[in-house]
Amino acid sequence: MMRLATLLSLAALAACSEAPTVLDGTSRETFARSAEQARRELPIADRLLFDAALKSPPGNRYSTKDPDKLKREAYAGMTAADVVADAKARGIE
């Protein structure tokens, strides 16, 4: 009986532990889709910071010709938690 309970507990734990969504910067559509999915994985308190970080990517200047491309390149391969940590490190609140 104890063995069955242990197996059920491990199965439930495995079902809950999914890998976080990684932002895909290959196109505007894939970036928007992956960013929305990644945003859902964040605690509510961090979602506004995530949104603010996406609006001000590192290296953004007034002279930037394509800010969307800069955003996709800056955050490609990062998880939502990585984006939030980067925003905090850059002083975005």
C-alpha atoms as a PDB file:
ATOM      1  CA  MET A   1       0.000   0.000   0.000  1.00  0.00           C
ATOM      2  CA  MET A   2       2.819   2.397   0.860  1.00  0.00           C
ATOM      3  CA  ARG A   3       4.513   1.621  -2.431  1.00  0.00           C
ATOM      4  CA  LEU A   4       1.363   2.520  -4.390  1.00  0.00           C
ATOM      5  CA  ALA A   5       1.012   5.808  -2.521  1.00  0.00           C
ATOM      6  CA  THR A   6       4.624   6.650  -3.311  1.00  0.00           C
ATOM      7  CA  LEU A   7       4.161   5.864  -6.998  1.00  0.00           C
ATOM      8  CA  LEU A   8       0.994   7.960  -7.173  1.00  0.00           C
ATOM      9  CA  SER A   9       2.739  10.853  -5.459  1.00  0.00           C
ATOM     10  CA  LEU A  10       5.647  10.712  -7.892  1.00  0.00           C
ATOM     11  CA  ALA A  11       3.284  10.534 -10.875  1.00  0.00           C
ATOM     12  CA  ALA A  12       1.367  13.580  -9.646  1.00  0.00           C
ATOM     13  CA  LEU A  13       4.588  15.489  -9.083  1.00  0.00           C
ATOM     14  CA  ALA A  14       5.874  14.631 -12.554  1.00  0.00           C
ATOM     15  CA  ALA A  15       2.632  15.794 -14.137  1.00  0.00           C
ATOM     16  CA  CYS A  16       2.908  19.172 -12.422  1.00  0.00           C
ATOM     17  CA  SER A  17       6.536  19.875 -13.268  1.00  0.00           C
ATOM     18  CA  GLU A  18       6.564  21.027 -16.882  1.00  0.00           C
ATOM     19  CA  ALA A  19       9.513  22.760 -18.440  1.00  0.00           C
ATOM     20  CA  PRO A  20       9.012  26.531 -18.671  1.00  0.00           C
ATOM     21  CA  THR A  21       8.144  28.032 -22.041  1.00  0.00           C
ATOM     22  CA  VAL A  22      11.112  29.484 -23.898  1.00  0.00           C
ATOM     23  CA  LEU A  23      10.543  32.627 -25.961  1.00  0.00           C
ATOM     24  CA  ASP A  24      10.846  31.946 -29.689  1.00  0.00           C
ATOM     25  CA  GLY A  25      12.139  34.951 -31.628  1.00  0.00           C
ATOM     26  CA  THR A  26      12.058  33.489 -35.143  1.00  0.00           C
ATOM     27  CA  SER A  27       9.057  35.610 -36.203  1.00  0.00           C
ATOM     28  CA  ARG A  28       6.599  38.123 -34.769  1.00  0.00           C
ATOM     29  CA  GLU A  29       3.863  35.496 -34.586  1.00  0.00           C
ATOM     30  CA  THR A  30       5.934  32.855 -32.822  1.00  0.00           C
ATOM     31  CA  PHE A  31       7.310  35.450 -30.419  1.00  0.00           C
ATOM     32  CA  ALA A  32       3.835  36.726 -29.553  1.00  0.00           C
ATOM     33  CA  ARG A  33       2.518  33.193 -29.062  1.00  0.00           C
ATOM     34  CA  SER A  34       5.431  32.036 -26.914  1.00  0.00           C
ATOM     35  CA  ALA A  35       5.414  35.284 -24.891  1.00  0.00           C
ATOM     36  CA  GLU A  36       1.716  34.863 -24.095  1.00  0.00           C
ATOM     37  CA  GLN A  37       2.255  31.267 -23.005  1.00  0.00           C
ATOM     38  CA  ALA A  38       5.309  32.206 -20.930  1.00  0.00           C
ATOM     39  CA  ARG A  39       3.400  35.091 -19.304  1.00  0.00           C
ATOM     40  CA  ARG A  40       0.714  32.665 -18.099  1.00  0.00           C
ATOM     41  CA  GLU A  41       3.376  30.701 -16.231  1.00  0.00           C
ATOM     42  CA  LEU A  42       4.369  33.692 -14.087  1.00  0.00           C
ATOM     43  CA  PRO A  43       2.836  34.627 -10.759  1.00  0.00           C
ATOM     44  CA  ILE A  44       0.356  37.465 -11.174  1.00  0.00           C
ATOM     45  CA  ALA A  45       2.691  39.863  -9.339  1.00  0.00           C
ATOM     46  CA  ASP A  46       5.415  39.396 -11.992  1.00  0.00           C
ATOM     47  CA  ARG A  47       3.226  39.713 -15.089  1.00  0.00           C
ATOM     48  CA  LEU A  48       3.261  43.520 -15.154  1.00  0.00           C
ATOM     49  CA  LEU A  49       7.040  43.527 -14.848  1.00  0.00           C
ATOM     50  CA  PHE A  50       7.235  41.006 -17.701  1.00  0.00           C
ATOM     51  CA  ASP A  51       5.052  43.278 -19.856  1.00  0.00           C
ATOM     52  CA  ALA A  52       7.177  46.319 -18.994  1.00  0.00           C
ATOM     53  CA  ALA A  53      10.368  44.434 -19.869  1.00  0.00           C
ATOM     54  CA  LEU A  54       9.001  43.442 -23.274  1.00  0.00           C
ATOM     55  CA  LYS A  55       8.214  47.088 -23.994  1.00  0.00           C
ATOM     56  CA  SER A  56      11.758  48.221 -23.191  1.00  0.00           C
ATOM     57  CA  PRO A  57      14.295  45.641 -24.381  1.00  0.00           C
ATOM     58  CA  PRO A  58      17.978  46.128 -23.599  1.00  0.00           C
ATOM     59  CA  GLY A  59      19.742  48.206 -26.216  1.00  0.00           C
ATOM     60  CA  ASN A  60      16.595  50.045 -27.323  1.00  0.00           C
ATOM     61  CA  ARG A  61      17.320  53.525 -28.651  1.00  0.00           C
ATOM     62  CA  TYR A  62      15.261  56.158 -30.450  1.00  0.00           C
ATOM     63  CA  SER A  63      17.272  55.432 -33.558  1.00  0.00           C
ATOM     64  CA  THR A  64      16.388  51.723 -33.515  1.00  0.00           C
ATOM     65  CA  LYS A  65      14.831  51.004 -36.897  1.00  0.00           C
ATOM     66  CA  ASP A  66      12.955  47.832 -35.896  1.00  0.00           C
ATOM     67  CA  PRO A  67      12.227  47.702 -32.139  1.00  0.00           C
ATOM     68  CA  ASP A  68      10.199  44.494 -32.540  1.00  0.00           C
ATOM     69  CA  LYS A  69      13.196  42.733 -34.071  1.00  0.00           C
ATOM     70  CA  LEU A  70      15.406  44.027 -31.261  1.00  0.00           C
ATOM     71  CA  LYS A  71      12.936  42.677 -28.702  1.00  0.00           C
ATOM     72  CA  ARG A  72      12.770  39.279 -30.387  1.00  0.00           C
ATOM     73  CA  GLU A  73      16.564  39.050 -30.596  1.00  0.00           C
ATOM     74  CA  ALA A  74      17.104  40.230 -27.017  1.00  0.00           C
ATOM     75  CA  TYR A  75      14.655  37.817 -25.406  1.00  0.00           C
ATOM     76  CA  ALA A  76      14.873  34.786 -27.726  1.00  0.00           C
ATOM     77  CA  GLY A  77      15.765  31.682 -25.762  1.00  0.00           C
ATOM     78  CA  MET A  78      14.794  33.178 -22.400  1.00  0.00           C
ATOM     79  CA  THR A  79      12.007  32.038 -20.112  1.00  0.00           C
ATOM     80  CA  ALA A  80       9.532  34.444 -18.524  1.00  0.00           C
ATOM     81  CA  ALA A  81      11.427  34.163 -15.237  1.00  0.00           C
ATOM     82  CA  ASP A  82      14.645  35.107 -17.070  1.00  0.00           C
ATOM     83  CA  VAL A  83      12.951  38.175 -18.565  1.00  0.00           C
ATOM     84  CA  VAL A  84      11.683  39.257 -15.134  1.00  0.00           C
ATOM     85  CA  ALA A  85      15.137  38.756 -13.583  1.00  0.00           C
ATOM     86  CA  ASP A  86      16.717  40.784 -16.405  1.00  0.00           C
ATOM     87  CA  ALA A  87      14.168  43.571 -15.905  1.00  0.00           C
ATOM     88  CA  LYS A  88      14.888  43.699 -12.177  1.00  0.00           C
ATOM     89  CA  ALA A  89      18.624  43.801 -12.861  1.00  0.00           C
ATOM     90  CA  ARG A  90      18.119  46.734 -15.258  1.00  0.00           C
ATOM     91  CA  GLY A  91      15.998  48.608 -12.695  1.00  0.00           C
ATOM     92  CA  ILE A  92      12.631  48.235 -14.398  1.00  0.00           C
ATOM     93  CA  GLU A  93       9.941  48.244 -11.755  1.00  0.00           C
END
